Amino acid sequence: MARIINQKKCISCGTCDVQCPKKAIVISDEGKFSIDRAKCVNCGICERDCPVDAVEIAD
């Protein structure tokens, strides 16, 4: 199970980036957030703390 950031829901608030203990959140030059699967340990903190429920579990 991997987590992804739903770009349609994400408001780019940065909560996930600040809370991630492994610094797995990547911010593109366009300001879009994504999750680096190589760094992510699936702790779920980003999903729990996202104020708009933009972090989802991918199949």
C-alpha atoms as a PDB file:
ATOM      1  CA  MET A   1       0.000   0.000   0.000  1.00  0.00           C
ATOM      2  CA  ALA A   2       1.337   3.357  -0.991  1.00  0.00           C
ATOM      3  CA  ARG A   3      -0.011   6.798  -0.374  1.00  0.00           C
ATOM      4  CA  ILE A   4      -0.517   9.431  -3.041  1.00  0.00           C
ATOM      5  CA  ILE A   5      -1.603  13.047  -2.981  1.00  0.00           C
ATOM      6  CA  ASN A   6      -4.794  13.683  -4.906  1.00  0.00           C
ATOM      7  CA  GLN A   7      -3.940  16.826  -6.869  1.00  0.00           C
ATOM      8  CA  LYS A   8      -7.599  17.739  -7.294  1.00  0.00           C
ATOM      9  CA  LYS A   9      -8.077  17.962  -3.525  1.00  0.00           C
ATOM     10  CA  CYS A  10      -4.652  19.294  -2.471  1.00  0.00           C
ATOM     11  CA  ILE A  11      -4.580  22.973  -1.490  1.00  0.00           C
ATOM     12  CA  SER A  12      -0.769  23.066  -1.165  1.00  0.00           C
ATOM     13  CA  CYS A  13      -0.910  24.074   2.505  1.00  0.00           C
ATOM     14  CA  GLY A  14       2.279  22.168   3.337  1.00  0.00           C
ATOM     15  CA  THR A  15       0.949  20.335   6.394  1.00  0.00           C
ATOM     16  CA  CYS A  16       2.028  16.972   4.996  1.00  0.00           C
ATOM     17  CA  ASP A  17       5.523  18.275   4.257  1.00  0.00           C
ATOM     18  CA  VAL A  18       5.986  19.687   7.752  1.00  0.00           C
ATOM     19  CA  GLN A  19       4.666  16.562   9.492  1.00  0.00           C
ATOM     20  CA  CYS A  20       6.510  13.910   7.450  1.00  0.00           C
ATOM     21  CA  PRO A  21       9.251  12.380   9.647  1.00  0.00           C
ATOM     22  CA  LYS A  22      11.122  10.982   6.622  1.00  0.00           C
ATOM     23  CA  LYS A  23      10.935  14.093   4.400  1.00  0.00           C
ATOM     24  CA  ALA A  24       9.150  12.026   1.740  1.00  0.00           C
ATOM     25  CA  ILE A  25       7.030  14.901   0.470  1.00  0.00           C
ATOM     26  CA  VAL A  26       8.284  16.419  -2.777  1.00  0.00           C
ATOM     27  CA  ILE A  27       7.272  19.870  -3.967  1.00  0.00           C
ATOM     28  CA  SER A  28       7.545  20.487  -7.707  1.00  0.00           C
ATOM     29  CA  ASP A  29       8.601  23.770  -9.285  1.00  0.00           C
ATOM     30  CA  GLU A  30       4.889  24.361  -9.942  1.00  0.00           C
ATOM     31  CA  GLY A  31       4.130  23.983  -6.228  1.00  0.00           C
ATOM     32  CA  LYS A  32       2.449  20.592  -6.484  1.00  0.00           C
ATOM     33  CA  PHE A  33       3.026  18.122  -3.669  1.00  0.00           C
ATOM     34  CA  SER A  34       3.734  14.423  -4.161  1.00  0.00           C
ATOM     35  CA  ILE A  35       5.104  11.536  -2.121  1.00  0.00           C
ATOM     36  CA  ASP A  36       8.504   9.973  -2.822  1.00  0.00           C
ATOM     37  CA  ARG A  37       7.725   6.273  -2.446  1.00  0.00           C
ATOM     38  CA  ALA A  38      11.405   5.460  -1.897  1.00  0.00           C
ATOM     39  CA  LYS A  39      11.438   7.572   1.279  1.00  0.00           C
ATOM     40  CA  CYS A  40       7.876   6.943   2.499  1.00  0.00           C
ATOM     41  CA  VAL A  41       7.546   4.441   5.365  1.00  0.00           C
ATOM     42  CA  ASN A  42       3.710   4.457   5.281  1.00  0.00           C
ATOM     43  CA  CYS A  43       3.376   5.861   8.782  1.00  0.00           C
ATOM     44  CA  GLY A  44       0.129   7.620   7.810  1.00  0.00           C
ATOM     45  CA  ILE A  45       0.897  10.949   9.465  1.00  0.00           C
ATOM     46  CA  CYS A  46       0.397  12.875   6.217  1.00  0.00           C
ATOM     47  CA  GLU A  47      -2.953  11.195   5.635  1.00  0.00           C
ATOM     48  CA  ARG A  48      -4.079  11.797   9.227  1.00  0.00           C
ATOM     49  CA  ASP A  49      -3.079  15.472   9.299  1.00  0.00           C
ATOM     50  CA  CYS A  50      -4.200  16.608   5.830  1.00  0.00           C
ATOM     51  CA  PRO A  51      -7.002  19.138   6.407  1.00  0.00           C
ATOM     52  CA  VAL A  52      -8.683  18.372   3.060  1.00  0.00           C
ATOM     53  CA  ASP A  53      -8.170  14.580   2.935  1.00  0.00           C
ATOM     54  CA  ALA A  54      -5.985  14.851  -0.166  1.00  0.00           C
ATOM     55  CA  VAL A  55      -3.665  12.005   0.879  1.00  0.00           C
ATOM     56  CA  GLU A  56      -5.084   8.704  -0.256  1.00  0.00           C
ATOM     57  CA  ILE A  57      -4.066   5.065  -0.383  1.00  0.00           C
ATOM     58  CA  ALA A  58      -3.180   3.910  -3.882  1.00  0.00           C
ATOM     59  CA  ASP A  59      -3.797   0.410  -5.120  1.00  0.00           C
END
